[in-house]
């Protein structure tokens, strides 16, 4: 939306980054089967601008699972409003830590555990 633009009229990179963090957070919560917190953004690459009205799609995948941490890559693609083609516009790697009800790190359950 227009309120999410930078002075050049493109979508503000911080807005896109926050959407990517939300996507990574959904994956982290599912993998850790509970609460998880962002502790780092290890990489962020902005390849192309996103225009107001573009459709943005986010794709996230787990890169690595540690004892309590998860590294998750998110790629953002856009489709211009009146077009059929898409292209990648942004890529980032987010690190999350699984946390308990007191906000303390907890182990990520092994993937073979029910």
N, C-alpha and C. Protein backbone atom coordinates (compact mmCIF):
# COMPACT_ATOMS: atom_id res chain seq x y z
N UNK A 1 0.84 -1.19 0.00
CA UNK A 1 0.00 0.00 0.00
C UNK A 1 0.88 1.25 0.00
N UNK A 2 0.36 2.36 -0.42
CA UNK A 2 1.15 3.60 -0.49
C UNK A 2 1.81 3.99 0.83
N UNK A 3 1.20 3.70 1.95
CA UNK A 3 1.80 4.05 3.25
C UNK A 3 3.07 3.25 3.53
N UNK A 4 3.30 2.17 2.78
CA UNK A 4 4.46 1.31 2.98
C UNK A 4 5.59 1.62 2.02
N UNK A 5 5.60 2.83 1.46
CA UNK A 5 6.62 3.16 0.46
C UNK A 5 7.75 4.00 1.03
N UNK A 6 8.89 3.94 0.33
CA UNK A 6 10.03 4.76 0.68
C UNK A 6 9.96 6.06 -0.13
N UNK A 7 10.89 6.98 0.03
CA UNK A 7 10.83 8.25 -0.72
C UNK A 7 10.87 8.09 -2.23
N UNK A 8 11.39 6.96 -2.74
CA UNK A 8 11.43 6.73 -4.19
C UNK A 8 10.10 6.18 -4.72
N UNK A 9 9.17 5.85 -3.81
CA UNK A 9 7.88 5.32 -4.23
C UNK A 9 7.82 3.81 -4.33
N UNK A 10 8.94 3.12 -4.00
CA UNK A 10 8.96 1.66 -3.97
C UNK A 10 8.53 1.20 -2.58
N UNK A 11 8.17 -0.07 -2.48
CA UNK A 11 7.82 -0.62 -1.17
C UNK A 11 9.05 -0.55 -0.27
N UNK A 12 8.87 -0.07 0.94
CA UNK A 12 9.93 0.08 1.92
C UNK A 12 10.53 -1.28 2.25
N UNK A 13 11.85 -1.38 2.17
CA UNK A 13 12.53 -2.66 2.44
C UNK A 13 12.25 -3.20 3.82
N UNK A 14 12.06 -2.34 4.79
CA UNK A 14 11.74 -2.79 6.15
C UNK A 14 10.40 -3.49 6.23
N UNK A 15 9.43 -3.04 5.43
CA UNK A 15 8.13 -3.71 5.41
C UNK A 15 8.29 -5.12 4.86
N UNK A 16 9.03 -5.25 3.76
CA UNK A 16 9.24 -6.57 3.16
C UNK A 16 10.00 -7.47 4.12
N UNK A 17 11.01 -6.93 4.77
CA UNK A 17 11.78 -7.71 5.73
C UNK A 17 10.89 -8.21 6.88
N UNK A 18 9.98 -7.37 7.34
CA UNK A 18 9.08 -7.80 8.43
C UNK A 18 8.16 -8.92 7.97
N UNK A 19 7.70 -8.87 6.72
CA UNK A 19 6.87 -9.96 6.20
C UNK A 19 7.68 -11.25 6.11
N UNK A 20 8.94 -11.13 5.72
CA UNK A 20 9.82 -12.31 5.64
C UNK A 20 10.07 -12.89 7.02
N UNK A 21 10.22 -12.04 8.03
CA UNK A 21 10.41 -12.50 9.40
C UNK A 21 9.16 -13.24 9.88
N UNK A 22 7.99 -12.73 9.53
CA UNK A 22 6.75 -13.43 9.89
C UNK A 22 6.67 -14.81 9.24
N UNK A 23 7.05 -14.90 7.97
CA UNK A 23 7.04 -16.19 7.26
C UNK A 23 8.02 -17.16 7.92
N UNK A 24 9.23 -16.69 8.22
CA UNK A 24 10.22 -17.55 8.88
C UNK A 24 9.72 -17.95 10.27
N UNK A 25 9.06 -17.04 10.96
CA UNK A 25 8.52 -17.35 12.28
C UNK A 25 7.47 -18.43 12.25
N UNK A 26 6.66 -18.45 11.21
CA UNK A 26 5.66 -19.51 11.07
C UNK A 26 6.35 -20.86 10.93
N UNK A 27 7.40 -20.92 10.13
CA UNK A 27 8.15 -22.17 9.95
C UNK A 27 8.82 -22.56 11.27
N UNK A 28 9.44 -21.61 11.94
CA UNK A 28 10.13 -21.89 13.21
C UNK A 28 9.16 -22.43 14.26
N UNK A 29 7.97 -21.86 14.35
CA UNK A 29 6.97 -22.33 15.32
C UNK A 29 6.53 -23.75 15.00
N UNK A 30 6.35 -24.03 13.71
CA UNK A 30 5.93 -25.38 13.31
C UNK A 30 7.03 -26.40 13.59
N UNK A 31 8.27 -26.06 13.23
CA UNK A 31 9.39 -26.99 13.44
C UNK A 31 9.66 -27.20 14.92
N UNK A 32 9.62 -26.12 15.70
CA UNK A 32 9.93 -26.23 17.13
C UNK A 32 8.72 -26.66 17.97
N UNK A 33 7.56 -26.71 17.32
CA UNK A 33 6.30 -27.07 17.99
C UNK A 33 6.03 -26.18 19.19
N UNK A 34 6.21 -24.88 18.97
CA UNK A 34 5.95 -23.92 20.04
C UNK A 34 6.53 -22.57 19.70
N UNK A 35 6.72 -21.79 20.74
CA UNK A 35 7.23 -20.44 20.58
C UNK A 35 8.67 -20.42 20.10
N UNK A 36 8.97 -19.46 19.25
CA UNK A 36 10.34 -19.26 18.78
C UNK A 36 10.54 -17.77 18.57
N UNK A 37 11.75 -17.30 18.80
CA UNK A 37 12.05 -15.88 18.69
C UNK A 37 13.17 -15.65 17.68
N UNK A 38 13.04 -14.59 16.91
CA UNK A 38 14.10 -14.19 15.99
C UNK A 38 15.28 -13.70 16.82
N UNK A 39 16.47 -14.22 16.54
CA UNK A 39 17.65 -13.71 17.25
C UNK A 39 18.64 -13.05 16.29
N UNK A 40 18.50 -13.33 14.98
CA UNK A 40 19.42 -12.70 14.03
C UNK A 40 18.86 -12.75 12.62
N UNK A 41 19.23 -11.77 11.86
CA UNK A 41 19.04 -11.80 10.41
C UNK A 41 20.45 -11.88 9.87
N UNK A 42 20.82 -13.06 9.39
CA UNK A 42 22.20 -13.31 9.02
C UNK A 42 22.54 -12.81 7.62
N UNK A 43 21.58 -12.78 6.75
CA UNK A 43 21.79 -12.31 5.39
C UNK A 43 20.51 -11.63 4.91
N UNK A 44 20.66 -10.57 4.14
CA UNK A 44 19.51 -9.93 3.52
C UNK A 44 19.98 -9.33 2.21
N UNK A 45 19.37 -9.77 1.14
CA UNK A 45 19.73 -9.30 -0.19
C UNK A 45 18.48 -8.75 -0.87
N UNK A 46 18.53 -7.50 -1.28
CA UNK A 46 17.44 -6.89 -2.03
C UNK A 46 17.88 -6.81 -3.48
N UNK A 47 17.26 -7.64 -4.35
CA UNK A 47 17.67 -7.73 -5.75
C UNK A 47 16.95 -6.72 -6.65
N UNK A 48 15.67 -6.55 -6.42
CA UNK A 48 14.84 -5.69 -7.27
C UNK A 48 13.83 -4.95 -6.40
N UNK A 49 13.38 -3.78 -6.82
CA UNK A 49 12.35 -3.09 -6.05
C UNK A 49 10.97 -3.73 -6.25
N UNK A 50 10.12 -3.53 -5.28
CA UNK A 50 8.73 -3.97 -5.34
C UNK A 50 7.89 -2.70 -5.46
N UNK A 51 6.97 -2.69 -6.40
CA UNK A 51 6.12 -1.52 -6.64
C UNK A 51 4.80 -1.66 -5.89
N UNK A 52 4.18 -0.56 -5.58
CA UNK A 52 2.85 -0.57 -4.98
C UNK A 52 1.92 -1.32 -5.92
N UNK A 53 1.16 -2.26 -5.40
CA UNK A 53 0.22 -3.04 -6.20
C UNK A 53 0.76 -4.38 -6.64
N UNK A 54 2.09 -4.60 -6.53
CA UNK A 54 2.65 -5.91 -6.89
C UNK A 54 2.15 -6.97 -5.92
N UNK A 55 1.97 -8.18 -6.42
CA UNK A 55 1.69 -9.32 -5.57
C UNK A 55 3.02 -9.86 -5.08
N UNK A 56 3.14 -10.09 -3.78
CA UNK A 56 4.36 -10.61 -3.19
C UNK A 56 4.08 -11.99 -2.62
N UNK A 57 4.93 -12.95 -2.97
CA UNK A 57 4.83 -14.31 -2.45
C UNK A 57 6.12 -14.65 -1.73
N UNK A 58 6.00 -15.29 -0.58
CA UNK A 58 7.15 -15.65 0.24
C UNK A 58 7.26 -17.16 0.34
N UNK A 59 8.49 -17.65 0.22
CA UNK A 59 8.77 -19.08 0.32
C UNK A 59 9.88 -19.29 1.33
N UNK A 60 9.63 -20.11 2.34
CA UNK A 60 10.60 -20.32 3.42
C UNK A 60 10.97 -21.79 3.50
N UNK A 61 12.24 -22.02 3.85
CA UNK A 61 12.70 -23.40 4.06
C UNK A 61 13.76 -23.42 5.14
N UNK A 62 13.79 -24.52 5.87
CA UNK A 62 14.76 -24.71 6.94
C UNK A 62 16.11 -25.06 6.32
N UNK A 63 17.14 -24.34 6.72
CA UNK A 63 18.50 -24.66 6.28
C UNK A 63 19.22 -25.55 7.27
N UNK A 64 19.00 -25.29 8.57
CA UNK A 64 19.72 -26.04 9.60
C UNK A 64 18.94 -26.00 10.90
N UNK A 65 18.96 -27.10 11.62
CA UNK A 65 18.36 -27.17 12.96
C UNK A 65 19.47 -27.54 13.93
N UNK A 66 19.64 -26.71 14.95
CA UNK A 66 20.60 -26.99 16.01
C UNK A 66 19.88 -27.52 17.24
N UNK A 67 20.51 -27.43 18.38
CA UNK A 67 19.87 -27.92 19.61
C UNK A 67 18.63 -27.10 19.93
N UNK A 68 18.77 -25.76 19.90
CA UNK A 68 17.61 -24.91 20.18
C UNK A 68 17.37 -23.89 19.07
N UNK A 69 18.24 -23.87 18.06
CA UNK A 69 18.13 -22.85 17.01
C UNK A 69 17.75 -23.44 15.66
N UNK A 70 17.25 -22.56 14.81
CA UNK A 70 16.88 -22.92 13.43
C UNK A 70 17.28 -21.80 12.51
N UNK A 71 17.96 -22.13 11.41
CA UNK A 71 18.27 -21.15 10.36
C UNK A 71 17.27 -21.37 9.24
N UNK A 72 16.58 -20.31 8.85
CA UNK A 72 15.50 -20.40 7.88
C UNK A 72 15.74 -19.39 6.77
N UNK A 73 15.74 -19.88 5.54
CA UNK A 73 15.89 -19.01 4.37
C UNK A 73 14.50 -18.62 3.88
N UNK A 74 14.34 -17.35 3.54
CA UNK A 74 13.09 -16.87 2.96
C UNK A 74 13.42 -16.16 1.66
N UNK A 75 12.70 -16.50 0.62
CA UNK A 75 12.83 -15.84 -0.68
C UNK A 75 11.51 -15.15 -0.99
N UNK A 76 11.61 -13.90 -1.43
CA UNK A 76 10.42 -13.13 -1.80
C UNK A 76 10.40 -12.96 -3.31
N UNK A 77 9.26 -13.21 -3.89
CA UNK A 77 9.04 -13.05 -5.33
C UNK A 77 7.91 -12.05 -5.53
N UNK A 78 7.94 -11.35 -6.65
CA UNK A 78 6.83 -10.44 -6.94
C UNK A 78 6.28 -10.72 -8.33
N UNK A 79 5.01 -10.39 -8.46
CA UNK A 79 4.33 -10.42 -9.77
C UNK A 79 3.72 -9.04 -9.95
N UNK A 80 4.20 -8.31 -10.96
CA UNK A 80 3.58 -7.00 -11.20
C UNK A 80 2.08 -7.14 -11.41
N UNK A 81 1.34 -6.19 -10.93
CA UNK A 81 -0.12 -6.23 -10.87
C UNK A 81 -0.81 -6.70 -12.14
N UNK A 82 -0.38 -6.26 -13.29
CA UNK A 82 -1.07 -6.60 -14.54
C UNK A 82 -0.24 -7.53 -15.42
N UNK A 83 0.63 -8.32 -14.82
CA UNK A 83 1.50 -9.21 -15.58
C UNK A 83 1.31 -10.66 -15.12
N UNK A 84 1.88 -11.57 -15.87
CA UNK A 84 1.82 -12.99 -15.51
C UNK A 84 3.18 -13.52 -15.05
N UNK A 85 4.25 -12.79 -15.28
CA UNK A 85 5.58 -13.27 -14.91
C UNK A 85 5.91 -12.90 -13.47
N UNK A 86 6.84 -13.66 -12.89
CA UNK A 86 7.31 -13.40 -11.53
C UNK A 86 8.83 -13.36 -11.53
N UNK A 87 9.39 -12.71 -10.52
CA UNK A 87 10.84 -12.75 -10.34
C UNK A 87 11.16 -12.59 -8.87
N UNK A 88 12.29 -13.17 -8.48
CA UNK A 88 12.73 -13.04 -7.10
C UNK A 88 13.21 -11.63 -6.86
N UNK A 89 12.79 -11.06 -5.72
CA UNK A 89 13.18 -9.69 -5.40
C UNK A 89 14.06 -9.60 -4.15
N UNK A 90 13.93 -10.55 -3.25
CA UNK A 90 14.66 -10.48 -1.98
C UNK A 90 14.94 -11.88 -1.46
N UNK A 91 16.04 -12.00 -0.73
CA UNK A 91 16.39 -13.26 -0.06
C UNK A 91 16.98 -12.91 1.29
N UNK A 92 16.61 -13.68 2.32
CA UNK A 92 17.17 -13.47 3.65
C UNK A 92 17.29 -14.77 4.40
N UNK A 93 18.19 -14.79 5.38
CA UNK A 93 18.35 -15.94 6.25
C UNK A 93 18.16 -15.45 7.68
N UNK A 94 17.21 -16.06 8.36
CA UNK A 94 16.82 -15.67 9.71
C UNK A 94 17.17 -16.80 10.67
N UNK A 95 17.67 -16.45 11.85
CA UNK A 95 17.94 -17.45 12.88
C UNK A 95 16.93 -17.25 14.01
N UNK A 96 16.31 -18.35 14.39
CA UNK A 96 15.33 -18.36 15.48
C UNK A 96 15.81 -19.30 16.57
N UNK A 97 15.38 -19.04 17.80
CA UNK A 97 15.62 -19.94 18.91
C UNK A 97 14.27 -20.33 19.49
N UNK A 98 14.11 -21.64 19.71
CA UNK A 98 12.91 -22.14 20.38
C UNK A 98 12.97 -21.69 21.83
N UNK A 99 11.84 -21.18 22.34
CA UNK A 99 11.82 -20.71 23.72
C UNK A 99 10.65 -21.32 24.48
N UNK A 100 10.83 -21.43 25.79
CA UNK A 100 9.78 -21.97 26.65
C UNK A 100 8.87 -20.84 27.14
N UNK A 101 7.97 -21.19 28.05
CA UNK A 101 6.99 -20.20 28.54
C UNK A 101 7.64 -19.07 29.35
N UNK A 102 8.90 -19.25 29.77
CA UNK A 102 9.63 -18.21 30.49
C UNK A 102 10.59 -17.43 29.60
N UNK A 103 10.54 -17.70 28.29
CA UNK A 103 11.41 -17.01 27.36
C UNK A 103 12.83 -17.54 27.32
N UNK A 104 13.05 -18.71 27.90
CA UNK A 104 14.38 -19.33 27.93
C UNK A 104 14.51 -20.33 26.77
N UNK A 105 15.72 -20.46 26.22
CA UNK A 105 15.91 -21.44 25.13
C UNK A 105 15.52 -22.84 25.57
N UNK A 106 14.94 -23.57 24.63
CA UNK A 106 14.57 -24.97 24.88
C UNK A 106 14.98 -25.77 23.65
N UNK A 107 15.15 -27.07 23.80
CA UNK A 107 15.55 -27.89 22.65
C UNK A 107 14.45 -27.93 21.58
N UNK A 108 14.88 -27.96 20.32
CA UNK A 108 13.94 -28.19 19.22
C UNK A 108 13.69 -29.70 19.18
N UNK A 109 12.43 -30.13 19.18
CA UNK A 109 12.17 -31.57 19.10
C UNK A 109 12.78 -32.17 17.83
N UNK A 110 13.29 -33.37 17.97
CA UNK A 110 13.80 -34.07 16.78
C UNK A 110 12.65 -34.30 15.83
N UNK A 111 12.93 -34.25 14.55
CA UNK A 111 11.89 -34.35 13.53
C UNK A 111 11.23 -35.72 13.51
N UNK A 112 11.88 -36.76 14.04
CA UNK A 112 11.25 -38.08 14.04
C UNK A 112 10.40 -38.32 15.27
N UNK A 113 10.34 -37.33 16.20
CA UNK A 113 9.48 -37.45 17.38
C UNK A 113 8.07 -37.05 17.00
N UNK A 114 7.08 -37.77 17.50
CA UNK A 114 5.68 -37.47 17.17
C UNK A 114 5.17 -36.26 17.91
